[in-house]
Amino acid sequence: MADHVNLVKLCVGVESVDDLAARIAHRGTRTTSHVTRMWPKQEEALLAGGSLYWVIKGVIQARQRIVALEEYRGADGVRRCAIMLDAELIRTTSAQRRPFQGWRYLKPDDAPADLPKGRESEPELPAELAQTLADIGLL
């Protein structure tokens, strides 16, 4: 039984894994962050090896390891959670996800596997093909 939990989140405004990787690389830092309104209640389990799995165009395609949760207050003074992520983007096998708001917990047993070494740079399937294959259970 795994002692950690993951998050899954829609990657809004990103067209592909390569697009997300370019945005991360542009920052030029060892960590990136994603600010969210809600603070995860399962903080300890997230920090015990959890990752944030990114849904791009309806399909989980990549993940980033969660390294910390930090308080963030915007100009409005509202407390938010900055999910601190390792800048390394890890490609995963594809897993279809319906649209949802915010983030959701993702059990390790339900998370898609990392792509095997040597396959990380394979070109992505066209979105429509990936969706069709996922619909029939082949992705």
Protein backbone atom coordinates (compact mmCIF):
# COMPACT_ATOMS: atom_id res chain seq x y z
CA MET A 1 0.00 0.00 0.00
CA ALA A 2 1.38 3.40 -1.00
CA ASP A 3 2.01 5.95 1.72
CA HIS A 4 1.47 8.94 -0.53
CA VAL A 5 -1.28 10.52 -2.60
CA ASN A 6 -1.17 12.58 -5.80
CA LEU A 7 -3.13 15.45 -7.27
CA VAL A 8 -4.59 15.74 -10.76
CA LYS A 9 -5.26 19.15 -12.32
CA LEU A 10 -6.36 20.52 -15.69
CA CYS A 11 -3.52 22.33 -17.43
CA VAL A 12 -5.56 25.23 -18.80
CA GLY A 13 -4.14 27.19 -21.72
CA VAL A 14 -1.49 24.61 -22.57
CA GLU A 15 -1.68 22.92 -25.96
CA SER A 16 0.76 20.02 -25.45
CA VAL A 17 3.37 18.49 -23.16
CA ASP A 18 6.02 20.31 -25.20
CA ASP A 19 4.19 23.60 -24.57
CA LEU A 20 4.15 22.93 -20.81
CA ALA A 21 7.84 21.94 -20.87
CA ALA A 22 8.72 25.17 -22.67
CA ARG A 23 6.83 27.24 -20.09
CA ILE A 24 8.66 25.49 -17.25
CA ALA A 25 12.05 25.89 -18.97
CA HIS A 26 11.36 29.57 -19.61
CA ARG A 27 11.25 30.15 -15.85
CA GLY A 28 14.78 28.79 -15.52
CA THR A 29 14.34 27.65 -11.93
CA ARG A 30 14.68 24.30 -10.15
CA THR A 31 11.10 24.53 -8.90
CA THR A 32 7.85 25.93 -10.24
CA SER A 33 4.62 26.63 -8.44
CA HIS A 34 0.92 26.42 -9.03
CA VAL A 35 -1.28 28.59 -6.81
CA THR A 36 -4.65 27.21 -5.84
CA ARG A 37 -7.45 28.52 -3.66
CA MET A 38 -7.86 25.38 -1.57
CA TRP A 39 -5.22 23.96 0.79
CA PRO A 40 -4.98 20.15 0.45
CA LYS A 41 -6.05 18.43 3.67
CA GLN A 42 -3.80 15.46 2.88
CA GLU A 43 -0.64 17.60 2.99
CA GLU A 44 1.51 14.98 4.72
CA ALA A 45 0.62 12.28 2.19
CA LEU A 46 1.27 14.66 -0.74
CA LEU A 47 4.72 15.51 0.61
CA ALA A 48 5.56 11.81 1.12
CA GLY A 49 6.23 11.33 -2.60
CA GLY A 50 3.17 12.73 -4.36
CA SER A 51 3.05 14.32 -7.79
CA LEU A 52 0.79 16.72 -9.63
CA TYR A 53 -0.54 14.97 -12.75
CA TRP A 54 -1.39 17.37 -15.58
CA VAL A 55 -4.47 16.88 -17.77
CA ILE A 56 -3.73 18.38 -21.18
CA LYS A 57 -6.55 18.44 -23.73
CA GLY A 58 -8.58 15.89 -21.73
CA VAL A 59 -5.74 13.41 -21.19
CA ILE A 60 -3.23 13.01 -18.34
CA GLN A 61 0.12 13.24 -20.12
CA ALA A 62 2.73 14.34 -17.59
CA ARG A 63 3.49 14.86 -13.93
CA GLN A 64 5.70 16.94 -11.66
CA ARG A 65 6.85 15.88 -8.21
CA ILE A 66 5.37 17.95 -5.35
CA VAL A 67 8.19 19.27 -3.14
CA ALA A 68 6.35 21.63 -0.76
CA LEU A 69 3.13 23.48 -0.01
CA GLU A 70 3.61 27.14 0.85
CA GLU A 71 1.26 29.89 1.93
CA TYR A 72 0.65 32.55 -0.69
CA ARG A 73 -1.29 35.78 -0.20
CA GLY A 74 -2.22 37.83 -3.21
CA ALA A 75 -2.94 41.54 -3.34
CA ASP A 76 -6.44 40.76 -2.05
CA GLY A 77 -4.97 39.32 1.17
CA VAL A 78 -6.69 35.94 0.73
CA ARG A 79 -4.66 32.92 1.88
CA ARG A 80 -3.96 30.46 -0.91
CA CYS A 81 -1.76 27.41 -1.38
CA ALA A 82 1.30 27.50 -3.63
CA ILE A 83 1.99 23.91 -4.68
CA MET A 84 5.77 23.87 -5.19
CA LEU A 85 6.79 21.48 -7.97
CA ASP A 86 10.10 20.06 -9.11
CA ALA A 87 10.84 21.62 -12.51
CA GLU A 88 11.42 18.17 -14.04
CA LEU A 89 8.43 17.27 -16.19
CA ILE A 90 7.91 13.50 -16.38
CA ARG A 91 5.93 12.14 -19.32
CA THR A 92 3.33 9.51 -18.45
CA THR A 93 1.23 7.06 -20.35
CA SER A 94 -2.02 8.68 -21.44
CA ALA A 95 -5.14 8.47 -19.28
CA GLN A 96 -8.39 10.16 -20.24
CA ARG A 97 -10.01 12.56 -17.76
CA ARG A 98 -13.29 14.43 -18.03
CA PRO A 99 -13.21 18.18 -17.29
CA PHE A 100 -13.46 19.23 -13.65
CA GLN A 101 -12.79 22.34 -11.59
CA GLY A 102 -9.87 22.74 -9.22
CA TRP A 103 -7.78 19.70 -8.40
CA ARG A 104 -8.63 16.17 -7.29
CA TYR A 105 -6.75 13.58 -5.28
CA LEU A 106 -5.36 10.70 -7.33
CA LYS A 107 -4.49 7.42 -5.65
CA PRO A 108 -1.13 5.94 -6.70
CA ASP A 109 -2.89 2.80 -8.00
CA ASP A 110 -5.04 4.99 -10.28
CA ALA A 111 -2.16 7.11 -11.60
CA PRO A 112 -0.84 6.46 -15.10
CA ALA A 113 2.64 4.95 -15.30
CA ASP A 114 5.68 6.98 -16.33
CA LEU A 115 6.76 6.41 -19.91
CA PRO A 116 9.68 3.97 -20.04
CA LYS A 117 13.19 5.40 -20.43
CA GLY A 118 13.85 6.26 -24.04
CA ARG A 119 10.17 6.96 -24.82
CA GLU A 120 9.96 10.33 -23.05
CA SER A 121 10.71 12.21 -26.24
CA GLU A 122 8.31 10.31 -28.48
CA PRO A 123 5.94 12.63 -30.30
CA GLU A 124 2.48 12.94 -28.78
CA LEU A 125 -0.45 11.29 -30.47
CA PRO A 126 -2.84 13.72 -32.09
CA ALA A 127 -5.45 14.71 -29.48
CA GLU A 128 -8.38 13.19 -31.40
CA LEU A 129 -6.58 9.85 -31.84
CA ALA A 130 -5.50 9.77 -28.19
CA GLN A 131 -9.11 10.47 -27.14
CA THR A 132 -10.47 7.71 -29.40
CA LEU A 133 -7.93 5.18 -28.11
CA ALA A 134 -8.71 6.18 -24.52
CA ASP A 135 -12.46 5.83 -25.21
CA ILE A 136 -11.98 2.20 -26.23
CA GLY A 137 -9.58 1.46 -23.36
CA LEU A 138 -6.33 1.27 -25.29
CA LEU A 139 -4.68 4.26 -23.57
